Protein backbone atom coordinates (compact mmCIF):
# COMPACT_ATOMS: atom_id res chain seq x y z
CA UNK A 1 -6.52 -13.44 3.81
CA UNK A 2 -3.33 -11.45 3.32
CA UNK A 3 -0.59 -12.13 5.87
CA UNK A 4 2.78 -10.44 6.20
CA UNK A 5 6.02 -11.47 7.85
CA UNK A 6 6.54 -9.64 11.16
CA UNK A 7 9.59 -7.50 10.27
CA UNK A 8 8.75 -6.77 6.63
CA UNK A 9 9.38 -3.17 5.52
CA UNK A 10 6.28 -1.69 3.88
CA UNK A 11 6.10 1.60 1.99
CA UNK A 12 2.92 3.39 0.96
CA UNK A 13 3.17 5.60 -2.08
CA UNK A 14 1.85 9.05 -1.18
CA UNK A 15 0.45 10.03 -4.58
CA UNK A 16 -2.72 8.44 -5.89
CA UNK A 17 -2.21 6.71 -9.23
CA UNK A 18 -4.23 5.45 -12.15
CA UNK A 19 -4.03 1.77 -11.22
CA UNK A 20 -5.24 0.44 -14.53
CA UNK A 21 -1.53 -0.08 -15.01
CA UNK A 22 -0.21 -3.34 -13.67
CA UNK A 23 2.71 -4.87 -11.86
CA UNK A 24 5.52 -3.90 -14.24
CA UNK A 25 4.45 -0.24 -14.37
CA UNK A 26 4.36 -0.12 -10.57
CA UNK A 27 7.77 -1.78 -10.50
CA UNK A 28 9.00 1.06 -12.73
CA UNK A 29 7.65 3.65 -10.26
CA UNK A 30 9.47 1.85 -7.43
CA UNK A 31 12.76 1.54 -9.31
CA UNK A 32 12.74 5.17 -10.44
CA UNK A 33 12.07 6.59 -6.96
CA UNK A 34 13.63 4.18 -4.45
CA UNK A 35 17.34 3.60 -4.07
CA UNK A 36 17.10 0.06 -2.74
CA UNK A 37 16.40 -2.86 -5.03
CA UNK A 38 12.88 -4.28 -5.29
CA UNK A 39 14.54 -7.71 -4.87
CA UNK A 40 15.03 -7.11 -1.12
CA UNK A 41 11.52 -8.30 -0.17
CA UNK A 42 10.10 -4.89 0.67
CA UNK A 43 6.36 -4.43 0.11
CA UNK A 44 5.16 -1.37 -1.85
CA UNK A 45 1.51 -0.30 -1.68
CA UNK A 46 -0.31 2.03 -4.07
CA UNK A 47 -3.84 3.46 -4.04
CA UNK A 48 -5.97 4.65 -6.96
CA UNK A 49 -7.33 8.19 -7.32
CA UNK A 50 -10.83 7.48 -5.91
CA UNK A 51 -9.33 5.53 -2.97
CA UNK A 52 -11.21 2.30 -3.71
CA UNK A 53 -8.33 0.11 -4.93
CA UNK A 54 -5.04 -0.88 -3.31
CA UNK A 55 -2.27 -2.68 -5.22
CA UNK A 56 0.74 -4.17 -3.42
CA UNK A 57 3.93 -5.29 -5.19
CA UNK A 58 6.80 -7.27 -3.63
CA UNK A 59 9.51 -9.70 -4.62
CA UNK A 60 10.21 -13.01 -2.88
CA UNK A 61 12.54 -15.90 -3.68
CA UNK A 62 10.32 -17.12 -6.51
CA UNK A 63 9.59 -13.84 -8.30
CA UNK A 64 7.55 -10.64 -8.41
CA UNK A 65 4.17 -10.77 -6.63
CA UNK A 66 1.05 -8.66 -7.00
CA UNK A 67 -1.90 -8.26 -4.61
CA UNK A 68 -4.96 -6.14 -5.30
CA UNK A 69 -8.04 -5.28 -3.23
CA UNK A 70 -11.01 -3.25 -4.49
CA UNK A 71 -13.82 -2.05 -2.23
CA UNK A 72 -17.41 -2.43 -3.38
CA UNK A 73 -18.39 0.69 -1.45
CA UNK A 74 -16.57 3.36 0.53
CA UNK A 75 -12.88 4.23 0.41
CA UNK A 76 -9.67 3.23 2.15
CA UNK A 77 -8.29 5.71 4.66
CA UNK A 78 -4.86 6.34 3.17
CA UNK A 79 -2.40 7.92 5.62
CA UNK A 80 -0.58 11.07 4.58
CA UNK A 81 3.08 11.86 5.26
CA UNK A 82 4.02 14.87 7.38
CA UNK A 83 3.39 18.19 5.66
CA UNK A 84 7.02 19.27 5.94
CA UNK A 85 8.44 16.32 4.00
CA UNK A 86 8.96 16.00 0.26
CA UNK A 87 9.21 12.21 0.50
CA UNK A 88 6.71 10.30 -1.66
CA UNK A 89 6.91 7.17 0.50
CA UNK A 90 5.56 6.54 3.98
CA UNK A 91 6.90 3.53 5.88
CA UNK A 92 4.42 1.60 8.02
CA UNK A 93 4.45 -1.61 10.06
CA UNK A 94 2.89 -4.87 8.75
CA UNK A 95 0.15 -4.67 11.38
CA UNK A 96 -0.79 -1.18 10.13
CA UNK A 97 -1.16 -2.47 6.56
CA UNK A 98 -3.33 -5.34 7.79
CA UNK A 99 -5.55 -2.85 9.65
CA UNK A 100 -5.72 -0.63 6.57
CA UNK A 101 -6.81 -3.56 4.38
CA UNK A 102 -9.42 -4.54 6.98
CA UNK A 103 -11.07 -1.11 6.83
CA UNK A 104 -9.59 0.34 10.01
CA UNK A 105 -8.85 4.05 9.92
CA UNK A 106 -5.27 4.26 11.22
CA UNK A 107 -5.57 7.77 12.66
CA UNK A 108 -8.57 6.96 14.87
CA UNK A 109 -8.03 3.17 15.09
CA UNK A 110 -11.69 2.40 14.43
CA UNK A 111 -13.67 0.82 11.65
CA UNK A 112 -15.16 3.22 9.17
CA UNK A 113 -18.96 3.13 9.10
CA UNK A 114 -19.13 1.83 5.51
CA UNK A 115 -17.24 -1.30 6.53
CA UNK A 116 -19.32 -2.31 9.56
CA UNK A 117 -21.67 -5.21 9.02
């Protein structure tokens, strides 16, 4: 189970990436596009091109952390930023990330049919 502190800032990267790269490559994406330091404890989430894999990178007191979740079937419902923004990052609440990882479609707030048991 993946739990998050209540007030943790979380950013979803809008573009889908080739996630065969690992933690240090994702750290490079964060450092090149965000003004704040990765050392502040912010969580950064990325999704692969097919939408079946989510990688999350964050830094805590002990070092850089990496979490990954791959779906066996179906895709994650990845939220999109507003059409009028050029920002590549979308900030969400920790509860929204937990719902996303649990297969809940954030727009409709219901489980997708592929996830139901």
